[in-house]
Structure formats: structure tokens, C-alpha cells
Protein backbone atom coordinates (compact mmCIF):
# COMPACT_ATOMS: atom_id res chain seq x y z
CA MET A 1 -34.69 -11.67 47.45
CA PHE A 2 -36.23 -15.00 46.70
CA ASN A 3 -40.01 -15.44 47.35
CA SER A 4 -41.37 -18.86 47.10
CA GLU A 5 -45.03 -19.60 46.32
CA PHE A 6 -44.92 -22.56 48.65
CA LYS A 7 -44.70 -22.27 52.38
CA ASN A 8 -43.44 -25.72 53.09
CA LEU A 9 -42.27 -28.91 51.35
CA ASN A 10 -45.75 -30.49 51.38
CA GLU A 11 -47.25 -27.55 49.44
CA LEU A 12 -44.38 -27.86 46.89
CA LEU A 13 -45.15 -31.58 46.43
CA GLU A 14 -48.90 -31.02 46.14
CA MET A 15 -48.69 -27.90 43.98
CA GLY A 16 -52.31 -26.95 44.58
CA GLY A 17 -53.61 -30.47 43.55
CA HIS A 18 -51.55 -30.76 40.33
CA GLY A 19 -48.42 -32.19 41.92
CA ILE A 20 -49.12 -35.75 40.85
CA TYR A 21 -49.21 -34.68 37.16
CA VAL A 22 -46.17 -32.40 37.43
CA TRP A 23 -43.93 -34.82 39.33
CA SER A 24 -44.99 -37.82 37.16
CA VAL A 25 -43.86 -35.89 34.04
CA TYR A 26 -40.58 -35.12 35.68
CA LEU A 27 -40.18 -38.73 36.58
CA ILE A 28 -41.07 -39.98 33.06
CA GLY A 29 -38.69 -37.34 31.40
CA ILE A 30 -35.70 -38.28 33.67
CA SER A 31 -36.44 -41.95 33.11
CA ILE A 32 -36.46 -41.51 29.29
CA ILE A 33 -33.11 -39.54 29.42
CA ALA A 34 -31.50 -42.22 31.70
CA ILE A 35 -32.65 -45.10 29.51
CA SER A 36 -31.45 -43.32 26.35
CA PHE A 37 -28.09 -42.72 28.02
CA LEU A 38 -27.74 -46.36 29.02
CA VAL A 39 -28.74 -47.62 25.56
CA ALA A 40 -26.28 -45.34 23.84
CA LYS A 41 -23.54 -46.52 26.21
CA LYS A 42 -24.34 -50.10 25.53
CA ARG A 43 -24.27 -49.53 21.70
CA ILE A 44 -20.88 -47.73 21.98
CA LYS A 45 -19.41 -50.62 23.90
CA ALA A 46 -20.80 -53.02 21.22
CA VAL A 47 -19.21 -51.00 18.46
CA GLN A 48 -15.92 -50.81 20.35
CA ARG A 49 -15.86 -54.61 20.78
CA LYS A 50 -16.59 -55.02 16.97
CA ILE A 51 -13.71 -52.80 16.10
CA LYS A 52 -11.35 -54.55 18.49
CA PHE A 53 -12.37 -57.95 17.17
CA LYS A 54 -11.88 -56.70 13.53
CA ASN A 55 -8.46 -55.38 14.28
CA ALA A 56 -7.51 -58.54 16.15
CA SER A 57 -8.47 -60.73 13.30
CA SER A 58 -6.70 -58.72 10.61
């Protein structure tokens, strides 16, 4: 049903000598997504605070 190219976890991580490049790209990509999410969340909270302050002072 499911045939894997890799016989064990070590072969999966090494990927025929290319593992360091493959896994570093995954790490960079996930980091960029996480940072983007956190920045967006921070900006949304800042806008919400501005809206609350504006409504409170009106």
C-alpha cells in the first residue's frame, strides 16, 4: 500500500546527504509563517486598542 523510500528515521533525516538543506528550508519556512502570524496578531490587538480608546474618548 505505502512504500517508503527510506528504511528508517535516520535515512529520512539524512535524505541521501541532502537532509540538511531540505530540513533547513522547512525550518525557515515554518519560522517565517509563525513570525508573520505573531506580527499580524500584534497589529490586530493594537488596532483593537485604538478603536476602544477612540470609542471611550468620544
